[in-house]
Each structure stands twice: as C-alpha cells, then as structure tokens.
Amino acid sequence: MKILTKGEYYGNQNAEASYNGVLLSRYTYMGPKTDWHYHENPYFMYVLQGNMMDCNQKVKTLCPSGSLMFNNWQEPHYGSKHSNTAGGFHLEFEKKWLEQHGISLHMLEGSQLIQNPQVHVLFARLYREFLRSDAYSKVAVEVLLVELCETLSDLKTVHAKEHPNWIKDLIELLHNDTSDLSLDYLSDQLNVHPVHISRTASKYLSMSLGEYLRQHKLKKAIPLLLDSANTLTEVSYQAGFSDQSHFNRVFKQHFQMNPGTYRKMVGKPF
C-alpha cells in the first residue's frame, strides 16, 4: 500500500504554504478514484468544490462542498469523486509540530467527518489567511492553528464526559432541522424544560446555544459563498439567516469583513 509523505496528495496542486511543521495546500481532484493509501501525517480536507467520498476499512463517508474530513496518520483509505469537478483545502500537521505544542497524536481518534461549526469557522478563517498571504498572514495562521488545536482538545474533553441522552438529539436538531429553532421548539422536541436546555447545553457545546446556532449558519454559508452563482441574499436565506443584514453582521463579527469582501478575496477556488 502506498504511503503518502508530507505534502503528497492525489490531484493537482494549486497552491501551498509551509509554517514550521504545518503544511497548507489547495488541490484540484482529478481522477474518479484514488488507490488505497495512507498518510505519514494527520491531516484535514476541507472540500471547497464538488462532491467527494472518503472510504476507509470501516465506513464510506460522503463529503459534499463545505465538508471537513479528518484523516488520522496511518489510516488506510481511498477517495472517490462524485462530481465533474472537485477540489479542497488541506491542513497537514507534522508529528514534530504536535509534539512541540504538547498536542497528542491521538487528538482525534480515527478518521471522521467534523461537524462542529466552531471548527468549520476556524477553517474558513484559515483559508482566508492562506489566500491573503501578506506580511501578517504568518502570525495570523500560527494563532489560528493554536486556536484550532485548543478547540479540538476541548471538544475531545467534552465528548469524554458523560452527558444526558438528549444532548445528542439536540445536536442532531441544531445540524439538520430547518424549522425555526426557538428554545420553546427545542424544548417541545426534546421533552426537556427550556431553562434546563439553556443552562446545560453550553457545557456540552463549548459555547452558548445562540452562538452555536450562529456559527452553524456560518458553516452552511461558506460553501454557498464560494459558488458565485448564489447571490448574497440567496446565501443569507439558504444558510438560515433572517435577512442579508443579519448575515452581514454575524459574518463580520467572526471574519472582520463582510461576506462580499470575503467572496472577492477567495474568488473562484479552481
């Protein structure tokens, strides 16, 4: 089985940047299917365009645009393309970087699809800095990398705790229910008192319920922004914001720029 060393991926490389043991790269995926292989280092694949499927020995995972897939080191897998065009942004950690920053190689156990919106927002900010590549990008990227690892470590700690059964159902509702997700609605669906949801949920979401919802909407908005066929108004409503003004405010709070400026910066990905 082929071992892919640092910076090796199937497809055509569009851009690459190295930060003292961390490699960022953007690739266009070409063939319909790769060979079975594994990687020397753990890495993330953020799908920017098209539909991919990641297949390991246990499960096949569909990864449409906007998906974030983590592949652990020495995890055999292969990828297949399910659209005419596809491409993604990679973040690869050398093991020495993780060791220097006191981060376990088992920060995430096994390969998995990352659903947490906080991690997605950090990746969207990281991709912006990767493309910006100005005099301040190096320190900005390094700060975001540390923040990302701290967030992943916090999430692992939270997941290791015993949690009420309704928390899993709550996350499922937050991710997939397209209804108006008011506290009363969640209480009715979960059969849990709204005050208890409000007080307890933040312990397991690593943020308040309202902030989790805002970041989840941003998570849905990013891949829509990358498709120039969508107007900003369409992106706003498809991502679940009440209007474009609300979308602009929330986006600017997290990215220090409005969505139109972000779209111009990232441009056409491929």
C-alpha atoms as a PDB file:
ATOM      1  CA  MET A   1       0.000   0.000   0.000  1.00  0.00           C
ATOM      2  CA  LYS A   2       1.307   3.440  -0.925  1.00  0.00           C
ATOM      3  CA  ILE A   3       2.471   5.790   1.844  1.00  0.00           C
ATOM      4  CA  LEU A   4       1.977   9.484   1.081  1.00  0.00           C
ATOM      5  CA  THR A   5       4.679  11.568   2.742  1.00  0.00           C
ATOM      6  CA  LYS A   6       4.482  15.249   3.741  1.00  0.00           C
ATOM      7  CA  GLY A   7       2.664  17.319   1.116  1.00  0.00           C
ATOM      8  CA  GLU A   8       1.756  14.347  -1.071  1.00  0.00           C
ATOM      9  CA  TYR A   9      -1.858  14.132  -2.264  1.00  0.00           C
ATOM     10  CA  TYR A  10      -3.695  12.777  -5.260  1.00  0.00           C
ATOM     11  CA  GLY A  11      -4.649  15.510  -7.728  1.00  0.00           C
ATOM     12  CA  ASN A  12      -3.138  18.760  -8.995  1.00  0.00           C
ATOM     13  CA  GLN A  13      -1.671  21.214  -6.518  1.00  0.00           C
ATOM     14  CA  ASN A  14      -2.845  24.816  -6.974  1.00  0.00           C
ATOM     15  CA  ALA A  15      -1.013  26.440  -4.065  1.00  0.00           C
ATOM     16  CA  GLU A  16       0.989  25.504  -0.966  1.00  0.00           C
ATOM     17  CA  ALA A  17       2.384  27.241   2.130  1.00  0.00           C
ATOM     18  CA  SER A  18       4.506  25.823   4.970  1.00  0.00           C
ATOM     19  CA  TYR A  19       4.525  27.102   8.556  1.00  0.00           C
ATOM     20  CA  ASN A  20       7.263  25.407  10.609  1.00  0.00           C
ATOM     21  CA  GLY A  21       5.819  21.912  10.595  1.00  0.00           C
ATOM     22  CA  VAL A  22       2.318  22.658   9.326  1.00  0.00           C
ATOM     23  CA  LEU A  23       1.512  22.480   5.627  1.00  0.00           C
ATOM     24  CA  LEU A  24      -1.441  24.210   3.959  1.00  0.00           C
ATOM     25  CA  SER A  25      -2.314  23.335   0.367  1.00  0.00           C
ATOM     26  CA  ARG A  26      -5.096  23.562  -2.190  1.00  0.00           C
ATOM     27  CA  TYR A  27      -5.726  20.785  -4.696  1.00  0.00           C
ATOM     28  CA  THR A  28      -7.949  20.026  -7.649  1.00  0.00           C
ATOM     29  CA  TYR A  29      -9.028  16.374  -7.509  1.00  0.00           C
ATOM     30  CA  MET A  30      -8.707  14.813 -10.946  1.00  0.00           C
ATOM     31  CA  GLY A  31      -9.318  11.077 -11.275  1.00  0.00           C
ATOM     32  CA  PRO A  32     -12.561   9.300 -10.386  1.00  0.00           C
ATOM     33  CA  LYS A  33     -10.889   7.240  -7.655  1.00  0.00           C
ATOM     34  CA  THR A  34      -7.537   7.014  -5.864  1.00  0.00           C
ATOM     35  CA  ASP A  35      -5.640   3.890  -4.862  1.00  0.00           C
ATOM     36  CA  TRP A  36      -5.736   2.610  -1.312  1.00  0.00           C
ATOM     37  CA  HIS A  37      -3.119   4.559   0.654  1.00  0.00           C
ATOM     38  CA  TYR A  38      -2.310   6.127   3.989  1.00  0.00           C
ATOM     39  CA  HIS A  39      -0.547   9.307   5.050  1.00  0.00           C
ATOM     40  CA  GLU A  40       2.593   9.882   7.066  1.00  0.00           C
ATOM     41  CA  ASN A  41       0.937  12.745   8.947  1.00  0.00           C
ATOM     42  CA  PRO A  42      -2.588  13.514  10.202  1.00  0.00           C
ATOM     43  CA  TYR A  43      -4.456  15.994   8.008  1.00  0.00           C
ATOM     44  CA  PHE A  44      -7.784  17.708   7.372  1.00  0.00           C
ATOM     45  CA  MET A  45      -9.520  18.002   3.997  1.00  0.00           C
ATOM     46  CA  TYR A  46     -11.933  20.936   3.663  1.00  0.00           C
ATOM     47  CA  VAL A  47     -13.976  20.360   0.487  1.00  0.00           C
ATOM     48  CA  LEU A  48     -14.259  23.656  -1.411  1.00  0.00           C
ATOM     49  CA  GLN A  49     -15.986  22.419  -4.533  1.00  0.00           C
ATOM     50  CA  GLY A  50     -17.795  19.315  -5.752  1.00  0.00           C
ATOM     51  CA  ASN A  51     -18.630  16.040  -4.018  1.00  0.00           C
ATOM     52  CA  MET A  52     -16.084  13.617  -2.639  1.00  0.00           C
ATOM     53  CA  MET A  53     -16.344  10.313  -0.815  1.00  0.00           C
ATOM     54  CA  ASP A  54     -13.750   9.168   1.710  1.00  0.00           C
ATOM     55  CA  CYS A  55     -13.621   5.406   2.210  1.00  0.00           C
ATOM     56  CA  ASN A  56     -11.707   3.548   4.908  1.00  0.00           C
ATOM     57  CA  GLN A  57     -11.896  -0.038   6.080  1.00  0.00           C
ATOM     58  CA  LYS A  58     -14.914   0.694   8.286  1.00  0.00           C
ATOM     59  CA  VAL A  59     -17.098   3.275   6.561  1.00  0.00           C
ATOM     60  CA  LYS A  60     -17.713   5.298   3.395  1.00  0.00           C
ATOM     61  CA  THR A  61     -18.322   8.988   4.077  1.00  0.00           C
ATOM     62  CA  LEU A  62     -19.895  11.349   1.556  1.00  0.00           C
ATOM     63  CA  CYS A  63     -18.197  14.770   1.633  1.00  0.00           C
ATOM     64  CA  PRO A  64     -20.093  17.439  -0.343  1.00  0.00           C
ATOM     65  CA  SER A  65     -18.845  21.014  -0.665  1.00  0.00           C
ATOM     66  CA  GLY A  66     -18.326  22.516   2.789  1.00  0.00           C
ATOM     67  CA  SER A  67     -17.462  19.178   4.425  1.00  0.00           C
ATOM     68  CA  LEU A  68     -14.484  18.884   6.752  1.00  0.00           C
ATOM     69  CA  MET A  69     -12.867  15.443   6.916  1.00  0.00           C
ATOM     70  CA  PHE A  70     -10.095  14.426   9.322  1.00  0.00           C
ATOM     71  CA  ASN A  71      -7.810  11.554   8.314  1.00  0.00           C
ATOM     72  CA  ASN A  72      -5.532  10.221  11.012  1.00  0.00           C
ATOM     73  CA  TRP A  73      -1.996   9.167  10.251  1.00  0.00           C
ATOM     74  CA  GLN A  74      -1.568   5.542   9.155  1.00  0.00           C
ATOM     75  CA  GLU A  75      -5.323   5.198   8.493  1.00  0.00           C
ATOM     76  CA  PRO A  76      -5.710   3.279   5.182  1.00  0.00           C
ATOM     77  CA  HIS A  77      -8.298   4.864   2.903  1.00  0.00           C
ATOM     78  CA  TYR A  78      -9.105   5.900  -0.639  1.00  0.00           C
ATOM     79  CA  GLY A  79     -11.042   8.788  -2.156  1.00  0.00           C
ATOM     80  CA  SER A  80     -13.575   8.895  -4.965  1.00  0.00           C
ATOM     81  CA  LYS A  81     -15.021  11.866  -6.860  1.00  0.00           C
ATOM     82  CA  HIS A  82     -18.786  12.157  -7.363  1.00  0.00           C
ATOM     83  CA  SER A  83     -18.986  15.342  -9.434  1.00  0.00           C
ATOM     84  CA  ASN A  84     -17.411  16.616 -12.635  1.00  0.00           C
ATOM     85  CA  THR A  85     -15.071  18.920 -10.743  1.00  0.00           C
ATOM     86  CA  ALA A  86     -13.876  18.842  -7.143  1.00  0.00           C
ATOM     87  CA  GLY A  87     -11.205  20.445  -5.028  1.00  0.00           C
ATOM     88  CA  GLY A  88     -10.181  21.040  -1.465  1.00  0.00           C
ATOM     89  CA  PHE A  89      -8.012  22.810   1.092  1.00  0.00           C
ATOM     90  CA  HIS A  90      -5.662  20.646   3.192  1.00  0.00           C
ATOM     91  CA  LEU A  91      -4.154  21.210   6.617  1.00  0.00           C
ATOM     92  CA  GLU A  92      -1.390  18.729   7.448  1.00  0.00           C
ATOM     93  CA  PHE A  93       0.386  18.532  10.803  1.00  0.00           C
ATOM     94  CA  GLU A  94       3.881  17.095  11.051  1.00  0.00           C
ATOM     95  CA  LYS A  95       4.134  14.982  14.177  1.00  0.00           C
ATOM     96  CA  LYS A  96       7.019  17.128  15.478  1.00  0.00           C
ATOM     97  CA  TRP A  97       4.762  20.238  15.425  1.00  0.00           C
ATOM     98  CA  LEU A  98       2.150  18.466  17.515  1.00  0.00           C
ATOM     99  CA  GLU A  99       4.818  17.295  19.969  1.00  0.00           C
ATOM    100  CA  GLN A 100       6.334  20.793  20.262  1.00  0.00           C
ATOM    101  CA  HIS A 101       2.918  22.215  21.108  1.00  0.00           C
ATOM    102  CA  GLY A 102       2.085  19.458  23.591  1.00  0.00           C
ATOM    103  CA  ILE A 103      -0.679  18.026  21.430  1.00  0.00           C
ATOM    104  CA  SER A 104      -1.339  14.297  21.368  1.00  0.00           C
ATOM    105  CA  LEU A 105      -1.115  12.423  18.093  1.00  0.00           C
ATOM    106  CA  HIS A 106      -4.461  10.983  19.128  1.00  0.00           C
ATOM    107  CA  MET A 107      -6.098  14.405  19.313  1.00  0.00           C
ATOM    108  CA  LEU A 108      -8.849  12.850  17.219  1.00  0.00           C
ATOM    109  CA  GLU A 109      -9.348   9.110  17.271  1.00  0.00           C
ATOM    110  CA  GLY A 110      -9.605   7.648  13.795  1.00  0.00           C
ATOM    111  CA  SER A 111     -10.775   9.291  10.590  1.00  0.00           C
ATOM    112  CA  GLN A 112     -14.057  11.166  10.860  1.00  0.00           C
ATOM    113  CA  LEU A 113     -16.282  13.882   9.443  1.00  0.00           C
ATOM    114  CA  ILE A 114     -16.055  17.021  11.605  1.00  0.00           C
ATOM    115  CA  GLN A 115     -19.468  18.571  12.221  1.00  0.00           C
ATOM    116  CA  ASN A 116     -18.717  21.133  14.933  1.00  0.00           C
ATOM    117  CA  PRO A 117     -19.385  24.613  13.484  1.00  0.00           C
ATOM    118  CA  GLN A 118     -16.665  26.294  15.575  1.00  0.00           C
ATOM    119  CA  VAL A 119     -14.026  24.191  13.813  1.00  0.00           C
ATOM    120  CA  HIS A 120     -15.561  24.996  10.420  1.00  0.00           C
ATOM    121  CA  VAL A 121     -15.443  28.737  11.086  1.00  0.00           C
ATOM    122  CA  LEU A 122     -11.781  28.455  12.105  1.00  0.00           C
ATOM    123  CA  PHE A 123     -11.039  26.625   8.834  1.00  0.00           C
ATOM    124  CA  ALA A 124     -12.791  29.302   6.800  1.00  0.00           C
ATOM    125  CA  ARG A 125     -10.657  31.948   8.538  1.00  0.00           C
ATOM    126  CA  LEU A 126      -7.534  29.845   7.980  1.00  0.00           C
ATOM    127  CA  TYR A 127      -8.339  29.504   4.275  1.00  0.00           C
ATOM    128  CA  ARG A 128      -8.751  33.283   4.030  1.00  0.00           C
ATOM    129  CA  GLU A 129      -5.281  33.839   5.513  1.00  0.00           C
ATOM    130  CA  PHE A 130      -3.815  31.176   3.244  1.00  0.00           C
ATOM    131  CA  LEU A 131      -5.098  33.075   0.211  1.00  0.00           C
ATOM    132  CA  ARG A 132      -4.289  36.514   1.592  1.00  0.00           C
ATOM    133  CA  SER A 133      -0.594  35.669   2.159  1.00  0.00           C
ATOM    134  CA  ASP A 134       0.522  39.152   3.228  1.00  0.00           C
ATOM    135  CA  ALA A 135       3.040  40.356   5.831  1.00  0.00           C
ATOM    136  CA  TYR A 136       0.689  39.475   8.704  1.00  0.00           C
ATOM    137  CA  SER A 137      -0.543  36.105   7.478  1.00  0.00           C
ATOM    138  CA  LYS A 138       2.227  34.058   9.103  1.00  0.00           C
ATOM    139  CA  VAL A 139       1.390  35.153  12.642  1.00  0.00           C
ATOM    140  CA  ALA A 140      -2.359  35.034  11.880  1.00  0.00           C
ATOM    141  CA  VAL A 141      -2.060  31.432  10.666  1.00  0.00           C
ATOM    142  CA  GLU A 142       0.022  30.404  13.684  1.00  0.00           C
ATOM    143  CA  VAL A 143      -2.549  31.897  16.079  1.00  0.00           C
ATOM    144  CA  LEU A 144      -5.413  30.161  14.244  1.00  0.00           C
ATOM    145  CA  LEU A 145      -3.570  26.820  14.338  1.00  0.00           C
ATOM    146  CA  VAL A 146      -3.120  27.004  18.100  1.00  0.00           C
ATOM    147  CA  GLU A 147      -6.763  28.059  18.493  1.00  0.00           C
ATOM    148  CA  LEU A 148      -7.848  25.159  16.304  1.00  0.00           C
ATOM    149  CA  CYS A 149      -5.904  22.610  18.337  1.00  0.00           C
ATOM    150  CA  GLU A 150      -7.216  24.050  21.611  1.00  0.00           C
ATOM    151  CA  THR A 151     -10.774  23.829  20.273  1.00  0.00           C
ATOM    152  CA  LEU A 152     -10.308  20.218  19.177  1.00  0.00           C
ATOM    153  CA  SER A 153      -8.771  19.353  22.547  1.00  0.00           C
ATOM    154  CA  ASP A 154     -11.697  20.989  24.380  1.00  0.00           C
ATOM    155  CA  LEU A 155     -14.189  19.102  22.215  1.00  0.00           C
ATOM    156  CA  LYS A 156     -12.463  15.800  22.954  1.00  0.00           C
ATOM    157  CA  THR A 157     -12.574  16.557  26.691  1.00  0.00           C
ATOM    158  CA  VAL A 158     -16.279  17.410  26.493  1.00  0.00           C
ATOM    159  CA  HIS A 159     -17.071  14.275  24.483  1.00  0.00           C
ATOM    160  CA  ALA A 160     -15.250  12.146  27.054  1.00  0.00           C
ATOM    161  CA  LYS A 161     -17.655  13.302  29.768  1.00  0.00           C
ATOM    162  CA  GLU A 162     -20.903  11.564  30.457  1.00  0.00           C
ATOM    163  CA  HIS A 163     -23.711  13.627  29.016  1.00  0.00           C
ATOM    164  CA  PRO A 164     -27.507  13.409  29.053  1.00  0.00           C
ATOM    165  CA  ASN A 165     -29.084  11.419  26.233  1.00  0.00           C
ATOM    166  CA  TRP A 166     -30.933  14.486  24.970  1.00  0.00           C
ATOM    167  CA  ILE A 167     -27.684  16.325  24.125  1.00  0.00           C
ATOM    168  CA  LYS A 168     -27.070  14.048  21.119  1.00  0.00           C
ATOM    169  CA  ASP A 169     -30.648  14.691  19.958  1.00  0.00           C
ATOM    170  CA  LEU A 170     -30.154  18.434  20.476  1.00  0.00           C
ATOM    171  CA  ILE A 171     -27.045  18.484  18.259  1.00  0.00           C
ATOM    172  CA  GLU A 172     -28.928  16.496  15.625  1.00  0.00           C
ATOM    173  CA  LEU A 173     -31.714  19.095  15.653  1.00  0.00           C
ATOM    174  CA  LEU A 174     -29.262  22.013  15.507  1.00  0.00           C
ATOM    175  CA  HIS A 175     -27.499  20.493  12.492  1.00  0.00           C
ATOM    176  CA  ASN A 176     -30.400  19.149  10.470  1.00  0.00           C
ATOM    177  CA  ASP A 177     -33.751  20.660  11.480  1.00  0.00           C
ATOM    178  CA  THR A 178     -34.746  23.510   9.164  1.00  0.00           C
ATOM    179  CA  SER A 179     -37.547  24.726  11.437  1.00  0.00           C
ATOM    180  CA  ASP A 180     -37.414  27.930  13.457  1.00  0.00           C
ATOM    181  CA  LEU A 181     -35.168  26.660  16.238  1.00  0.00           C
ATOM    182  CA  SER A 182     -36.529  28.608  19.175  1.00  0.00           C
ATOM    183  CA  LEU A 183     -35.909  27.451  22.739  1.00  0.00           C
ATOM    184  CA  ASP A 184     -39.585  26.531  23.083  1.00  0.00           C
ATOM    185  CA  TYR A 185     -39.432  24.460  19.885  1.00  0.00           C
ATOM    186  CA  LEU A 186     -36.316  22.607  21.076  1.00  0.00           C
ATOM    187  CA  SER A 187     -37.937  22.024  24.462  1.00  0.00           C
ATOM    188  CA  ASP A 188     -41.002  20.529  22.798  1.00  0.00           C
ATOM    189  CA  GLN A 189     -38.958  18.258  20.530  1.00  0.00           C
ATOM    190  CA  LEU A 190     -36.617  17.072  23.281  1.00  0.00           C
ATOM    191  CA  ASN A 191     -39.158  16.971  26.114  1.00  0.00           C
ATOM    192  CA  VAL A 192     -36.697  18.932  28.256  1.00  0.00           C
ATOM    193  CA  HIS A 193     -37.532  22.161  30.097  1.00  0.00           C
ATOM    194  CA  PRO A 194     -36.277  25.238  28.184  1.00  0.00           C
ATOM    195  CA  VAL A 195     -34.487  26.623  31.260  1.00  0.00           C
ATOM    196  CA  HIS A 196     -32.603  23.353  31.669  1.00  0.00           C
ATOM    197  CA  ILE A 197     -31.612  23.389  27.984  1.00  0.00           C
ATOM    198  CA  SER A 198     -30.409  26.976  28.281  1.00  0.00           C
ATOM    199  CA  ARG A 199     -28.353  26.285  31.417  1.00  0.00           C
ATOM    200  CA  THR A 200     -26.946  22.898  30.465  1.00  0.00           C
ATOM    201  CA  ALA A 201     -26.341  22.905  26.705  1.00  0.00           C
ATOM    202  CA  SER A 202     -23.347  25.262  26.809  1.00  0.00           C
ATOM    203  CA  LYS A 203     -21.391  22.746  28.911  1.00  0.00           C
ATOM    204  CA  TYR A 204     -21.523  20.258  26.037  1.00  0.00           C
ATOM    205  CA  LEU A 205     -21.448  22.641  23.056  1.00  0.00           C
ATOM    206  CA  SER A 206     -18.381  24.579  24.321  1.00  0.00           C
ATOM    207  CA  MET A 207     -20.347  27.799  23.730  1.00  0.00           C
ATOM    208  CA  SER A 208     -23.795  29.229  24.302  1.00  0.00           C
ATOM    209  CA  LEU A 209     -26.727  27.775  22.382  1.00  0.00           C
ATOM    210  CA  GLY A 210     -27.200  31.047  20.491  1.00  0.00           C
ATOM    211  CA  GLU A 211     -23.553  31.252  19.443  1.00  0.00           C
ATOM    212  CA  TYR A 212     -23.596  27.613  18.338  1.00  0.00           C
ATOM    213  CA  LEU A 213     -26.579  28.370  16.080  1.00  0.00           C
ATOM    214  CA  ARG A 214     -24.893  31.469  14.640  1.00  0.00           C
ATOM    215  CA  GLN A 215     -21.702  29.560  13.832  1.00  0.00           C
ATOM    216  CA  HIS A 216     -23.682  26.668  12.380  1.00  0.00           C
ATOM    217  CA  LYS A 217     -25.360  29.098   9.979  1.00  0.00           C
ATOM    218  CA  LEU A 218     -21.934  30.461   9.023  1.00  0.00           C
ATOM    219  CA  LYS A 219     -20.775  26.886   8.436  1.00  0.00           C
ATOM    220  CA  LYS A 220     -23.601  26.444   5.917  1.00  0.00           C
ATOM    221  CA  ALA A 221     -22.953  29.854   4.344  1.00  0.00           C
ATOM    222  CA  ILE A 222     -19.251  29.383   3.480  1.00  0.00           C
ATOM    223  CA  PRO A 223     -19.628  26.783   0.679  1.00  0.00           C
ATOM    224  CA  LEU A 224     -22.585  28.755  -0.681  1.00  0.00           C
ATOM    225  CA  LEU A 225     -20.392  31.875  -0.797  1.00  0.00           C
ATOM    226  CA  LEU A 226     -17.753  30.005  -2.777  1.00  0.00           C
ATOM    227  CA  ASP A 227     -20.291  29.388  -5.534  1.00  0.00           C
ATOM    228  CA  SER A 228     -20.590  32.670  -7.441  1.00  0.00           C
ATOM    229  CA  ALA A 229     -23.961  31.542  -8.857  1.00  0.00           C
ATOM    230  CA  ASN A 230     -25.510  32.314  -5.455  1.00  0.00           C
ATOM    231  CA  THR A 231     -26.362  35.933  -4.676  1.00  0.00           C
ATOM    232  CA  LEU A 232     -25.605  37.158  -1.151  1.00  0.00           C
ATOM    233  CA  THR A 233     -29.339  37.338  -0.482  1.00  0.00           C
ATOM    234  CA  GLU A 234     -29.735  33.696  -1.534  1.00  0.00           C
ATOM    235  CA  VAL A 235     -26.786  32.690   0.662  1.00  0.00           C
ATOM    236  CA  SER A 236     -28.370  34.504   3.619  1.00  0.00           C
ATOM    237  CA  TYR A 237     -31.697  32.681   3.372  1.00  0.00           C
ATOM    238  CA  GLN A 238     -30.287  29.269   2.444  1.00  0.00           C
ATOM    239  CA  ALA A 239     -27.962  29.407   5.469  1.00  0.00           C
ATOM    240  CA  GLY A 240     -30.908  30.233   7.733  1.00  0.00           C
ATOM    241  CA  PHE A 241     -30.378  33.931   8.486  1.00  0.00           C
ATOM    242  CA  SER A 242     -33.461  36.125   8.784  1.00  0.00           C
ATOM    243  CA  ASP A 243     -32.139  38.557   6.162  1.00  0.00           C
ATOM    244  CA  GLN A 244     -28.924  39.696   4.489  1.00  0.00           C
ATOM    245  CA  SER A 245     -28.349  42.432   7.068  1.00  0.00           C
ATOM    246  CA  HIS A 246     -28.331  39.832   9.864  1.00  0.00           C
ATOM    247  CA  PHE A 247     -25.981  37.629   7.826  1.00  0.00           C
ATOM    248  CA  ASN A 248     -23.610  40.559   7.272  1.00  0.00           C
ATOM    249  CA  ARG A 249     -23.485  41.409  10.992  1.00  0.00           C
ATOM    250  CA  VAL A 250     -22.792  37.858  12.160  1.00  0.00           C
ATOM    251  CA  PHE A 251     -20.251  37.234   9.393  1.00  0.00           C
ATOM    252  CA  LYS A 252     -18.350  40.428  10.185  1.00  0.00           C
ATOM    253  CA  GLN A 253     -18.198  39.555  13.889  1.00  0.00           C
ATOM    254  CA  HIS A 254     -16.282  36.357  13.061  1.00  0.00           C
ATOM    255  CA  PHE A 255     -14.278  37.366   9.972  1.00  0.00           C
ATOM    256  CA  GLN A 256     -13.704  41.110  10.456  1.00  0.00           C
ATOM    257  CA  MET A 257     -15.045  41.704   6.941  1.00  0.00           C
ATOM    258  CA  ASN A 258     -18.402  41.444   5.226  1.00  0.00           C
ATOM    259  CA  PRO A 259     -19.304  38.349   3.155  1.00  0.00           C
ATOM    260  CA  GLY A 260     -18.976  40.218  -0.137  1.00  0.00           C
ATOM    261  CA  THR A 261     -15.351  41.122   0.647  1.00  0.00           C
ATOM    262  CA  TYR A 262     -14.625  37.540   1.705  1.00  0.00           C
ATOM    263  CA  ARG A 263     -16.094  36.262  -1.552  1.00  0.00           C
ATOM    264  CA  LYS A 264     -13.869  38.605  -3.592  1.00  0.00           C
ATOM    265  CA  MET A 265     -10.814  37.509  -1.611  1.00  0.00           C
ATOM    266  CA  VAL A 266     -11.343  33.770  -2.050  1.00  0.00           C
ATOM    267  CA  GLY A 267     -12.555  34.248  -5.639  1.00  0.00           C
ATOM    268  CA  LYS A 268     -13.219  31.253  -7.838  1.00  0.00           C
ATOM    269  CA  PRO A 269     -11.496  28.380  -5.999  1.00  0.00           C
ATOM    270  CA  PHE A 270     -10.381  26.467  -9.113  1.00  0.00           C
END
